[in-house]
Amino acid sequence: MAMERRNLGGSGYLPLRDAIDRLFAGSVITPQAFGGDAGFPPTDMHMDEDNVIVHMSIPGAKPDDINVSVTGDTVTITGEVSHTRHGGEGSEGDQGQQKAHTYFQEIWSGRFQRSFGLPTQVDADNANATFENGVLTLTLPKSEATKPRKIQIQHRQTIEGQKSGKPQGDLHKETVPVKGTE
């Protein structure tokens, strides 16, 4: 819970700092809405057995305006979103329409760049990117070197009493008792 400062003086006026704090405390639009700490565009990343998958919400973007690159263990997505505007305050809109006044503007447009560290090495040469309904989906296959591999364990049969200490005999996938060791 946020602490509220109060002016205990009897003037009836709020100090400027308090007035500004109150103004922004009730605001629905935060600095994060303009690409602040929260990051824009919003992005999800998850990993399954074979791939690292990235989903980025970029409404209004065109696939030709988006670039994706992978360098080492980092994926970088850059692009631009542009929306048709009806003109600013007092300006003429498209094709000589009458002047339009903007009362508020919440649809974001502009350039963006996001970079993310990948949780594992990926095979960028076999990556796939699709763009559907304003969502960019990257499928980055894990590098073969990072995928778990099952290693077959083989049992060796030894003959008791050998001085060399080296295993002798045929390879078997199951343990086979040797005569005289039972």
N, C-alpha and C. Protein backbone atom coordinates (compact mmCIF):
# COMPACT_ATOMS: atom_id res chain seq x y z
N MET A 1 0.84 -1.17 0.00
CA MET A 1 0.00 0.00 0.00
C MET A 1 0.89 1.23 0.00
N ALA A 2 0.57 2.21 -0.85
CA ALA A 2 1.36 3.42 -0.96
C ALA A 2 1.07 4.35 0.21
N MET A 3 2.11 5.03 0.65
CA MET A 3 1.93 6.00 1.73
C MET A 3 1.47 7.31 1.13
N GLU A 4 0.62 7.99 1.81
CA GLU A 4 0.12 9.26 1.33
C GLU A 4 0.70 10.37 2.20
N ARG A 5 1.31 11.37 1.55
CA ARG A 5 1.84 12.52 2.27
C ARG A 5 0.74 13.54 2.46
N ARG A 6 0.71 14.16 3.60
CA ARG A 6 -0.29 15.18 3.86
C ARG A 6 0.38 16.46 4.32
N ASN A 7 -0.15 17.54 3.84
CA ASN A 7 0.33 18.84 4.28
C ASN A 7 -0.47 19.23 5.53
N LEU A 8 0.22 19.38 6.64
CA LEU A 8 -0.46 19.71 7.88
C LEU A 8 -0.66 21.21 8.05
N GLY A 9 -0.15 21.97 7.11
CA GLY A 9 -0.35 23.43 7.18
C GLY A 9 -1.81 23.76 6.89
N GLY A 10 -2.27 24.90 7.33
CA GLY A 10 -3.68 25.23 7.20
C GLY A 10 -4.01 26.06 5.98
N SER A 11 -3.15 26.12 4.97
CA SER A 11 -3.40 27.01 3.84
C SER A 11 -4.51 26.52 2.93
N GLY A 12 -4.80 25.21 2.92
CA GLY A 12 -5.84 24.70 2.04
C GLY A 12 -5.33 24.36 0.65
N TYR A 13 -4.09 24.67 0.34
CA TYR A 13 -3.50 24.36 -0.96
C TYR A 13 -2.56 23.17 -0.82
N LEU A 14 -2.56 22.31 -1.84
CA LEU A 14 -1.63 21.19 -1.86
C LEU A 14 -0.29 21.66 -2.40
N PRO A 15 0.80 21.18 -1.84
CA PRO A 15 2.09 21.47 -2.47
C PRO A 15 2.09 20.87 -3.88
N LEU A 16 2.79 21.47 -4.78
CA LEU A 16 2.82 21.04 -6.18
C LEU A 16 3.19 19.56 -6.31
N ARG A 17 4.16 19.11 -5.54
CA ARG A 17 4.58 17.70 -5.60
C ARG A 17 3.41 16.77 -5.25
N ASP A 18 2.65 17.09 -4.23
CA ASP A 18 1.51 16.26 -3.84
C ASP A 18 0.43 16.26 -4.92
N ALA A 19 0.20 17.41 -5.53
CA ALA A 19 -0.81 17.50 -6.59
C ALA A 19 -0.41 16.63 -7.78
N ILE A 20 0.86 16.65 -8.14
CA ILE A 20 1.33 15.83 -9.26
C ILE A 20 1.24 14.35 -8.90
N ASP A 21 1.64 13.99 -7.66
CA ASP A 21 1.54 12.59 -7.23
C ASP A 21 0.10 12.10 -7.30
N ARG A 22 -0.83 12.91 -6.87
CA ARG A 22 -2.25 12.52 -6.91
C ARG A 22 -2.73 12.36 -8.35
N LEU A 23 -2.30 13.25 -9.22
CA LEU A 23 -2.69 13.18 -10.62
C LEU A 23 -2.26 11.86 -11.24
N PHE A 24 -1.00 11.46 -11.02
CA PHE A 24 -0.49 10.24 -11.65
C PHE A 24 -0.88 8.98 -10.90
N ALA A 25 -1.20 9.07 -9.62
CA ALA A 25 -1.61 7.88 -8.86
C ALA A 25 -2.91 7.31 -9.40
N GLY A 26 -3.79 8.15 -9.90
CA GLY A 26 -5.07 7.68 -10.43
C GLY A 26 -5.03 7.39 -11.91
N SER A 27 -3.89 7.58 -12.53
CA SER A 27 -3.79 7.39 -13.97
C SER A 27 -3.77 5.92 -14.34
N VAL A 28 -4.45 5.58 -15.41
CA VAL A 28 -4.46 4.21 -15.90
C VAL A 28 -3.22 3.96 -16.76
N ILE A 29 -2.69 4.99 -17.34
CA ILE A 29 -1.54 4.85 -18.22
C ILE A 29 -0.28 5.05 -17.39
N THR A 30 0.56 4.04 -17.38
CA THR A 30 1.80 4.09 -16.62
C THR A 30 2.97 4.30 -17.57
N PRO A 31 4.14 4.63 -17.06
CA PRO A 31 5.30 4.77 -17.94
C PRO A 31 5.60 3.49 -18.71
N GLN A 32 5.24 2.32 -18.14
CA GLN A 32 5.49 1.07 -18.83
C GLN A 32 4.69 0.97 -20.13
N ALA A 33 3.57 1.68 -20.22
CA ALA A 33 2.76 1.65 -21.43
C ALA A 33 3.50 2.27 -22.61
N PHE A 34 4.53 3.04 -22.33
CA PHE A 34 5.29 3.69 -23.40
C PHE A 34 6.67 3.05 -23.58
N GLY A 35 6.77 1.76 -23.28
CA GLY A 35 8.03 1.07 -23.51
C GLY A 35 8.97 1.17 -22.33
N GLY A 36 8.45 1.41 -21.15
CA GLY A 36 9.29 1.51 -19.95
C GLY A 36 9.76 0.14 -19.51
N ASP A 37 9.89 -0.03 -18.21
CA ASP A 37 10.46 -1.24 -17.64
C ASP A 37 9.74 -2.52 -18.04
N ALA A 38 8.44 -2.47 -18.27
CA ALA A 38 7.68 -3.69 -18.55
C ALA A 38 8.02 -4.26 -19.92
N GLY A 39 8.52 -3.46 -20.82
CA GLY A 39 8.89 -3.94 -22.14
C GLY A 39 7.73 -3.90 -23.12
N PHE A 40 8.04 -3.46 -24.30
CA PHE A 40 7.04 -3.43 -25.36
C PHE A 40 7.72 -3.92 -26.62
N PRO A 41 7.12 -4.69 -27.40
CA PRO A 41 5.83 -5.35 -27.28
C PRO A 41 5.88 -6.49 -26.24
N PRO A 42 4.72 -6.81 -25.67
CA PRO A 42 4.69 -7.89 -24.68
C PRO A 42 5.07 -9.23 -25.32
N THR A 43 5.84 -10.01 -24.59
CA THR A 43 6.43 -11.23 -25.15
C THR A 43 6.37 -12.38 -24.15
N ASP A 44 6.15 -13.59 -24.65
CA ASP A 44 6.22 -14.81 -23.85
C ASP A 44 7.29 -15.71 -24.46
N MET A 45 8.04 -16.42 -23.61
CA MET A 45 9.02 -17.39 -24.10
C MET A 45 8.86 -18.66 -23.28
N HIS A 46 8.82 -19.80 -23.96
CA HIS A 46 8.81 -21.07 -23.25
C HIS A 46 9.61 -22.10 -24.05
N MET A 47 9.87 -23.22 -23.41
CA MET A 47 10.70 -24.24 -24.04
C MET A 47 10.03 -25.59 -23.86
N ASP A 48 9.99 -26.37 -24.94
CA ASP A 48 9.51 -27.75 -24.83
C ASP A 48 10.72 -28.67 -25.05
N GLU A 49 10.47 -29.92 -25.31
CA GLU A 49 11.55 -30.89 -25.43
C GLU A 49 12.49 -30.58 -26.60
N ASP A 50 11.95 -30.01 -27.69
CA ASP A 50 12.75 -29.81 -28.90
C ASP A 50 13.00 -28.36 -29.29
N ASN A 51 12.21 -27.40 -28.76
CA ASN A 51 12.27 -26.03 -29.26
C ASN A 51 12.19 -24.99 -28.14
N VAL A 52 12.72 -23.81 -28.46
CA VAL A 52 12.44 -22.60 -27.68
C VAL A 52 11.41 -21.84 -28.51
N ILE A 53 10.30 -21.44 -27.88
CA ILE A 53 9.21 -20.80 -28.62
C ILE A 53 8.98 -19.41 -28.03
N VAL A 54 8.93 -18.41 -28.92
CA VAL A 54 8.73 -17.02 -28.52
C VAL A 54 7.46 -16.52 -29.19
N HIS A 55 6.56 -15.92 -28.40
CA HIS A 55 5.35 -15.27 -28.93
C HIS A 55 5.44 -13.79 -28.59
N MET A 56 5.28 -12.93 -29.59
CA MET A 56 5.32 -11.48 -29.37
C MET A 56 4.08 -10.86 -29.98
N SER A 57 3.35 -10.10 -29.17
CA SER A 57 2.13 -9.44 -29.63
C SER A 57 2.49 -8.09 -30.25
N ILE A 58 2.26 -7.97 -31.57
CA ILE A 58 2.60 -6.74 -32.29
C ILE A 58 1.42 -6.34 -33.17
N PRO A 59 0.29 -5.95 -32.57
CA PRO A 59 -0.86 -5.57 -33.39
C PRO A 59 -0.54 -4.36 -34.26
N GLY A 60 -1.00 -4.42 -35.50
CA GLY A 60 -0.79 -3.31 -36.42
C GLY A 60 0.50 -3.40 -37.21
N ALA A 61 1.39 -4.32 -36.86
CA ALA A 61 2.65 -4.47 -37.59
C ALA A 61 2.42 -5.26 -38.87
N LYS A 62 3.32 -5.08 -39.81
CA LYS A 62 3.31 -5.87 -41.03
C LYS A 62 4.54 -6.77 -40.99
N PRO A 63 4.42 -8.00 -41.48
CA PRO A 63 5.58 -8.91 -41.43
C PRO A 63 6.84 -8.33 -42.06
N ASP A 64 6.69 -7.52 -43.11
CA ASP A 64 7.86 -6.93 -43.77
C ASP A 64 8.55 -5.89 -42.90
N ASP A 65 7.89 -5.40 -41.86
CA ASP A 65 8.46 -4.38 -40.98
C ASP A 65 9.08 -4.98 -39.72
N ILE A 66 9.20 -6.30 -39.65
CA ILE A 66 9.75 -6.98 -38.48
C ILE A 66 11.02 -7.72 -38.88
N ASN A 67 12.07 -7.61 -38.06
CA ASN A 67 13.32 -8.31 -38.30
C ASN A 67 13.68 -9.14 -37.07
N VAL A 68 14.13 -10.36 -37.31
CA VAL A 68 14.52 -11.26 -36.22
C VAL A 68 15.95 -11.72 -36.50
N SER A 69 16.80 -11.69 -35.47
CA SER A 69 18.16 -12.21 -35.62
C SER A 69 18.55 -12.97 -34.36
N VAL A 70 19.39 -13.98 -34.55
CA VAL A 70 19.92 -14.75 -33.43
C VAL A 70 21.43 -14.65 -33.50
N THR A 71 22.04 -14.19 -32.40
CA THR A 71 23.48 -14.10 -32.30
C THR A 71 23.90 -14.78 -31.01
N GLY A 72 24.60 -15.90 -31.14
CA GLY A 72 25.00 -16.64 -29.94
C GLY A 72 23.78 -17.10 -29.17
N ASP A 73 23.67 -16.66 -27.92
CA ASP A 73 22.53 -17.07 -27.08
C ASP A 73 21.51 -15.96 -26.91
N THR A 74 21.45 -15.04 -27.88
CA THR A 74 20.52 -13.90 -27.80
C THR A 74 19.69 -13.80 -29.07
N VAL A 75 18.38 -13.61 -28.90
CA VAL A 75 17.50 -13.34 -30.03
C VAL A 75 17.09 -11.88 -29.94
N THR A 76 17.14 -11.17 -31.07
CA THR A 76 16.76 -9.76 -31.12
C THR A 76 15.65 -9.59 -32.15
N ILE A 77 14.59 -8.89 -31.73
CA ILE A 77 13.46 -8.62 -32.61
C ILE A 77 13.30 -7.11 -32.70
N THR A 78 13.35 -6.58 -33.92
CA THR A 78 13.17 -5.15 -34.14
C THR A 78 12.03 -4.96 -35.13
N GLY A 79 11.46 -3.78 -35.11
CA GLY A 79 10.39 -3.52 -36.07
C GLY A 79 9.79 -2.15 -35.89
N GLU A 80 8.73 -1.95 -36.64
CA GLU A 80 8.02 -0.67 -36.60
C GLU A 80 6.53 -0.93 -36.76
N VAL A 81 5.76 -0.22 -35.98
CA VAL A 81 4.30 -0.27 -36.07
C VAL A 81 3.84 1.12 -36.46
N SER A 82 3.05 1.20 -37.53
CA SER A 82 2.51 2.51 -37.91
C SER A 82 1.02 2.37 -38.15
N HIS A 83 0.28 3.32 -37.64
CA HIS A 83 -1.17 3.33 -37.78
C HIS A 83 -1.57 4.58 -38.55
N THR A 84 -2.65 4.50 -39.29
CA THR A 84 -3.18 5.66 -39.98
C THR A 84 -3.77 6.60 -38.95
N ARG A 85 -3.35 7.83 -39.00
CA ARG A 85 -3.83 8.83 -38.05
C ARG A 85 -4.84 9.73 -38.76
N HIS A 86 -5.71 10.32 -37.98
CA HIS A 86 -6.69 11.26 -38.52
C HIS A 86 -6.24 12.69 -38.33
N GLY A 87 -4.94 12.86 -38.16
CA GLY A 87 -4.40 14.21 -38.00
C GLY A 87 -4.37 14.62 -36.55
N GLY A 88 -3.46 15.51 -36.24
CA GLY A 88 -3.34 16.01 -34.87
C GLY A 88 -4.29 17.18 -34.68
N GLU A 89 -4.16 17.82 -33.54
CA GLU A 89 -5.06 18.93 -33.23
C GLU A 89 -4.89 20.04 -34.25
N GLY A 90 -5.97 20.41 -34.88
CA GLY A 90 -5.95 21.52 -35.82
C GLY A 90 -5.32 21.18 -37.16
N SER A 91 -4.93 19.94 -37.42
CA SER A 91 -4.30 19.62 -38.70
C SER A 91 -5.32 18.98 -39.63
N GLU A 92 -5.04 19.06 -40.91
CA GLU A 92 -5.94 18.43 -41.87
C GLU A 92 -5.66 16.96 -41.95
N GLY A 93 -6.69 16.16 -42.01
CA GLY A 93 -6.54 14.71 -42.12
C GLY A 93 -6.20 14.30 -43.53
N ASP A 94 -6.26 13.00 -43.81
CA ASP A 94 -5.94 12.48 -45.14
C ASP A 94 -6.91 13.02 -46.19
N GLN A 95 -6.40 13.29 -47.38
CA GLN A 95 -7.15 13.68 -48.56
C GLN A 95 -8.03 14.90 -48.32
N GLY A 96 -7.52 15.87 -47.58
CA GLY A 96 -8.23 17.13 -47.42
C GLY A 96 -9.49 17.06 -46.60
N GLN A 97 -9.66 16.05 -45.76
CA GLN A 97 -10.84 15.98 -44.91
C GLN A 97 -10.81 17.16 -43.94
N GLN A 98 -11.96 17.40 -43.31
CA GLN A 98 -11.99 18.52 -42.38
C GLN A 98 -11.06 18.26 -41.21
N LYS A 99 -10.69 19.32 -40.54
CA LYS A 99 -9.73 19.24 -39.44
C LYS A 99 -10.24 18.33 -38.33
N ALA A 100 -9.32 17.53 -37.78
CA ALA A 100 -9.66 16.61 -36.70
C ALA A 100 -8.89 17.01 -35.45
N HIS A 101 -9.50 16.84 -34.32
CA HIS A 101 -8.85 17.13 -33.05
C HIS A 101 -8.72 15.84 -32.27
N THR A 102 -7.51 15.54 -31.79
CA THR A 102 -7.28 14.34 -31.00
C THR A 102 -7.57 14.65 -29.55
N TYR A 103 -8.47 13.90 -28.94
CA TYR A 103 -8.82 14.10 -27.53
C TYR A 103 -8.01 13.19 -26.63
N PHE A 104 -7.75 12.00 -27.08
CA PHE A 104 -6.79 11.12 -26.41
C PHE A 104 -6.31 10.10 -27.42
N GLN A 105 -5.12 9.56 -27.15
CA GLN A 105 -4.50 8.64 -28.10
C GLN A 105 -3.86 7.51 -27.31
N GLU A 106 -4.36 6.29 -27.49
CA GLU A 106 -3.82 5.14 -26.77
C GLU A 106 -3.20 4.09 -27.68
N ILE A 107 -3.42 4.20 -28.97
CA ILE A 107 -2.85 3.23 -29.90
C ILE A 107 -1.40 3.61 -30.16
N TRP A 108 -0.51 2.69 -29.78
CA TRP A 108 0.91 2.95 -29.88
C TRP A 108 1.40 2.75 -31.30
N SER A 109 2.33 3.59 -31.73
CA SER A 109 3.02 3.37 -33.00
C SER A 109 4.45 3.86 -32.82
N GLY A 110 5.33 3.29 -33.60
CA GLY A 110 6.74 3.66 -33.51
C GLY A 110 7.64 2.45 -33.69
N ARG A 111 8.93 2.67 -33.47
CA ARG A 111 9.92 1.61 -33.61
C ARG A 111 10.09 0.90 -32.26
N PHE A 112 10.47 -0.37 -32.33
CA PHE A 112 10.74 -1.12 -31.11
C PHE A 112 11.92 -2.05 -31.33
N GLN A 113 12.56 -2.44 -30.24
CA GLN A 113 13.63 -3.43 -30.27
C GLN A 113 13.61 -4.17 -28.94
N ARG A 114 13.59 -5.49 -29.00
CA ARG A 114 13.64 -6.33 -27.80
C ARG A 114 14.73 -7.38 -28.02
N SER A 115 15.54 -7.61 -27.01
CA SER A 115 16.55 -8.67 -27.03
C SER A 115 16.36 -9.55 -25.82
N PHE A 116 16.50 -10.86 -26.01
CA PHE A 116 16.30 -11.82 -24.94
C PHE A 116 17.43 -12.83 -24.93
N GLY A 117 17.89 -13.19 -23.75
CA GLY A 117 18.83 -14.29 -23.61
C GLY A 117 18.06 -15.59 -23.76
N LEU A 118 18.59 -16.51 -24.55
CA LEU A 118 17.93 -17.80 -24.76
C LEU A 118 18.34 -18.77 -23.66
N PRO A 119 17.42 -19.63 -23.22
CA PRO A 119 17.73 -20.55 -22.12
C PRO A 119 18.65 -21.70 -22.52
N THR A 120 18.87 -21.90 -23.82
CA THR A 120 19.74 -22.97 -24.31
C THR A 120 20.22 -22.60 -25.71
N GLN A 121 21.20 -23.31 -26.22
CA GLN A 121 21.68 -23.06 -27.58
C GLN A 121 20.62 -23.53 -28.57
N VAL A 122 20.46 -22.75 -29.66
CA VAL A 122 19.47 -23.09 -30.68
C VAL A 122 20.14 -23.23 -32.04
N ASP A 123 19.45 -23.89 -32.95
CA ASP A 123 19.90 -24.05 -34.33
C ASP A 123 19.19 -22.97 -35.15
N ALA A 124 19.80 -21.80 -35.24
CA ALA A 124 19.18 -20.65 -35.91
C ALA A 124 18.92 -20.91 -37.39
N ASP A 125 19.72 -21.76 -38.02
CA ASP A 125 19.54 -22.05 -39.45
C ASP A 125 18.22 -22.76 -39.73
N ASN A 126 17.66 -23.43 -38.75
CA ASN A 126 16.40 -24.14 -38.94
C ASN A 126 15.24 -23.49 -38.19
N ALA A 127 15.41 -22.23 -37.81
CA ALA A 127 14.35 -21.51 -37.09
C ALA A 127 13.20 -21.19 -38.04
N ASN A 128 12.02 -21.00 -37.45
CA ASN A 128 10.82 -20.69 -38.22
C ASN A 128 10.12 -19.51 -37.56
N ALA A 129 9.63 -18.56 -38.37
CA ALA A 129 8.89 -17.42 -37.85
C ALA A 129 7.58 -17.29 -38.63
N THR A 130 6.47 -17.13 -37.88
CA THR A 130 5.17 -16.90 -38.51
C THR A 130 4.54 -15.68 -37.86
N PHE A 131 3.66 -15.02 -38.60
CA PHE A 131 2.96 -13.84 -38.09
C PHE A 131 1.49 -14.00 -38.43
N GLU A 132 0.67 -14.12 -37.39
CA GLU A 132 -0.76 -14.34 -37.60
C GLU A 132 -1.55 -13.59 -36.54
N ASN A 133 -2.55 -12.83 -37.00
CA ASN A 133 -3.44 -12.07 -36.11
C ASN A 133 -2.67 -11.18 -35.14
N GLY A 134 -1.60 -10.55 -35.63
CA GLY A 134 -0.83 -9.62 -34.80
C GLY A 134 0.13 -10.27 -33.83
N VAL A 135 0.32 -11.59 -33.93
CA VAL A 135 1.24 -12.29 -33.03
C VAL A 135 2.36 -12.93 -33.84
N LEU A 136 3.60 -12.56 -33.51
CA LEU A 136 4.78 -13.18 -34.10
C LEU A 136 5.12 -14.42 -33.28
N THR A 137 5.31 -15.55 -33.95
CA THR A 137 5.70 -16.79 -33.26
C THR A 137 7.02 -17.27 -33.85
N LEU A 138 8.04 -17.37 -33.00
CA LEU A 138 9.34 -17.90 -33.40
C LEU A 138 9.47 -19.30 -32.82
N THR A 139 9.85 -20.23 -33.66
CA THR A 139 10.14 -21.58 -33.20
C THR A 139 11.62 -21.82 -33.48
N LEU A 140 12.40 -21.90 -32.42
CA LEU A 140 13.85 -22.04 -32.51
C LEU A 140 14.23 -23.44 -32.04
N PRO A 141 14.58 -24.34 -32.96
CA PRO A 141 14.94 -25.70 -32.55
C PRO A 141 16.18 -25.70 -31.66
N LYS A 142 16.16 -26.52 -30.64
CA LYS A 142 17.34 -26.65 -29.78
C LYS A 142 18.48 -27.25 -30.60
N SER A 143 19.68 -26.83 -30.29
CA SER A 143 20.86 -27.39 -30.93
C SER A 143 20.97 -28.87 -30.57
N GLU A 144 21.36 -29.69 -31.53
CA GLU A 144 21.51 -31.13 -31.27
C GLU A 144 22.47 -31.39 -30.12
N ALA A 145 23.47 -30.52 -29.97
CA ALA A 145 24.46 -30.72 -28.91
C ALA A 145 23.85 -30.55 -27.52
N THR A 146 22.73 -29.85 -27.42
CA THR A 146 22.12 -29.61 -26.10
C THR A 146 20.99 -30.58 -25.78
N LYS A 147 20.57 -31.36 -26.75
CA LYS A 147 19.48 -32.31 -26.50
C LYS A 147 20.01 -33.50 -25.70
N PRO A 148 19.24 -33.98 -24.75
CA PRO A 148 19.70 -35.14 -23.97
C PRO A 148 19.79 -36.38 -24.86
N ARG A 149 20.78 -37.18 -24.59
CA ARG A 149 20.95 -38.42 -25.35
C ARG A 149 20.99 -39.59 -24.38
N LYS A 150 20.34 -40.65 -24.75
CA LYS A 150 20.36 -41.85 -23.92
C LYS A 150 21.58 -42.67 -24.32
N ILE A 151 22.32 -43.06 -23.33
CA ILE A 151 23.53 -43.86 -23.57
C ILE A 151 23.27 -45.27 -23.08
N GLN A 152 23.47 -46.23 -23.96
CA GLN A 152 23.28 -47.64 -23.63
C GLN A 152 24.42 -48.09 -22.73
N ILE A 153 24.10 -48.68 -21.61
CA ILE A 153 25.11 -49.19 -20.69
C ILE A 153 25.34 -50.66 -21.02
N GLN A 154 26.60 -51.01 -21.23
CA GLN A 154 26.94 -52.38 -21.57
C GLN A 154 27.70 -53.00 -20.40
N HIS A 155 27.42 -54.24 -20.12
CA HIS A 155 28.10 -54.96 -19.04
C HIS A 155 29.20 -55.81 -19.64
N ARG A 156 30.34 -55.86 -18.96
CA ARG A 156 31.44 -56.70 -19.42
C ARG A 156 31.59 -57.88 -18.47
N GLN A 157 31.93 -58.99 -19.03
CA GLN A 157 32.13 -60.21 -18.25
C GLN A 157 33.62 -60.31 -17.92
N THR A 158 33.95 -60.55 -16.68
CA THR A 158 35.36 -60.68 -16.31
C THR A 158 35.63 -62.10 -15.80
N ILE A 159 36.85 -62.52 -15.97
CA ILE A 159 37.26 -63.84 -15.48
C ILE A 159 38.08 -63.61 -14.22
N GLU A 160 37.67 -64.25 -13.12
CA GLU A 160 38.31 -64.08 -11.83
C GLU A 160 39.74 -64.62 -11.87
N GLY A 161 40.62 -63.91 -11.23
CA GLY A 161 41.99 -64.38 -11.10
C GLY A 161 42.93 -63.79 -12.13
N GLN A 162 42.45 -62.96 -13.05
CA GLN A 162 43.36 -62.35 -14.01
C GLN A 162 44.12 -61.22 -13.33
N LYS A 163 45.40 -61.13 -13.63
CA LYS A 163 46.25 -60.15 -12.98
C LYS A 163 46.23 -58.80 -13.69
N SER A 164 45.86 -58.77 -14.96
CA SER A 164 45.93 -57.52 -15.72
C SER A 164 44.93 -56.49 -15.22
N GLY A 165 43.84 -56.93 -14.64
CA GLY A 165 42.81 -56.01 -14.17
C GLY A 165 41.94 -55.48 -15.29
N LYS A 166 42.25 -55.86 -16.53
CA LYS A 166 41.44 -55.41 -17.66
C LYS A 166 40.28 -56.37 -17.86
N PRO A 167 39.09 -55.86 -18.18
CA PRO A 167 37.96 -56.74 -18.43
C PRO A 167 38.22 -57.62 -19.65
N GLN A 168 37.79 -58.83 -19.59
CA GLN A 168 37.93 -59.77 -20.69
C GLN A 168 36.57 -60.32 -21.05
N GLY A 169 36.45 -60.88 -22.21
CA GLY A 169 35.22 -61.56 -22.59
C GLY A 169 34.39 -60.73 -23.54
N ASP A 170 33.25 -61.27 -23.88
CA ASP A 170 32.34 -60.64 -24.83
C ASP A 170 31.50 -59.57 -24.15
N LEU A 171 31.01 -58.60 -24.93
CA LEU A 171 30.10 -57.58 -24.43
C LEU A 171 28.70 -58.15 -24.37
N HIS A 172 27.98 -57.85 -23.31
CA HIS A 172 26.61 -58.31 -23.15
C HIS A 172 25.76 -57.14 -22.69
N LYS A 173 24.50 -57.16 -23.04
CA LYS A 173 23.58 -56.13 -22.59
C LYS A 173 22.97 -56.49 -21.24
N GLU A 174 23.20 -57.70 -20.80
CA GLU A 174 22.72 -58.15 -19.49
C GLU A 174 23.90 -58.74 -18.74
N THR A 175 23.81 -58.73 -17.42
CA THR A 175 24.87 -59.33 -16.61
C THR A 175 24.77 -60.85 -16.70
N VAL A 176 25.89 -61.48 -17.00
CA VAL A 176 25.94 -62.94 -17.11
C VAL A 176 26.95 -63.44 -16.07
N PRO A 177 26.53 -64.32 -15.14
CA PRO A 177 27.49 -64.82 -14.14
C PRO A 177 28.56 -65.69 -14.79
N VAL A 178 29.78 -65.59 -14.29
CA VAL A 178 30.90 -66.38 -14.80
C VAL A 178 31.06 -67.60 -13.91
N LYS A 179 31.38 -68.76 -14.50
CA LYS A 179 31.55 -69.99 -13.72
C LYS A 179 32.60 -69.80 -12.64
N GLY A 180 32.30 -70.32 -11.48
CA GLY A 180 33.24 -70.26 -10.38
C GLY A 180 33.09 -69.02 -9.52
N THR A 181 32.22 -68.10 -9.88
CA THR A 181 32.02 -66.89 -9.07
C THR A 181 30.70 -66.91 -8.34
N GLU A 182 29.95 -68.00 -8.44
CA GLU A 182 28.62 -68.06 -7.86
C GLU A 182 28.66 -68.38 -6.40
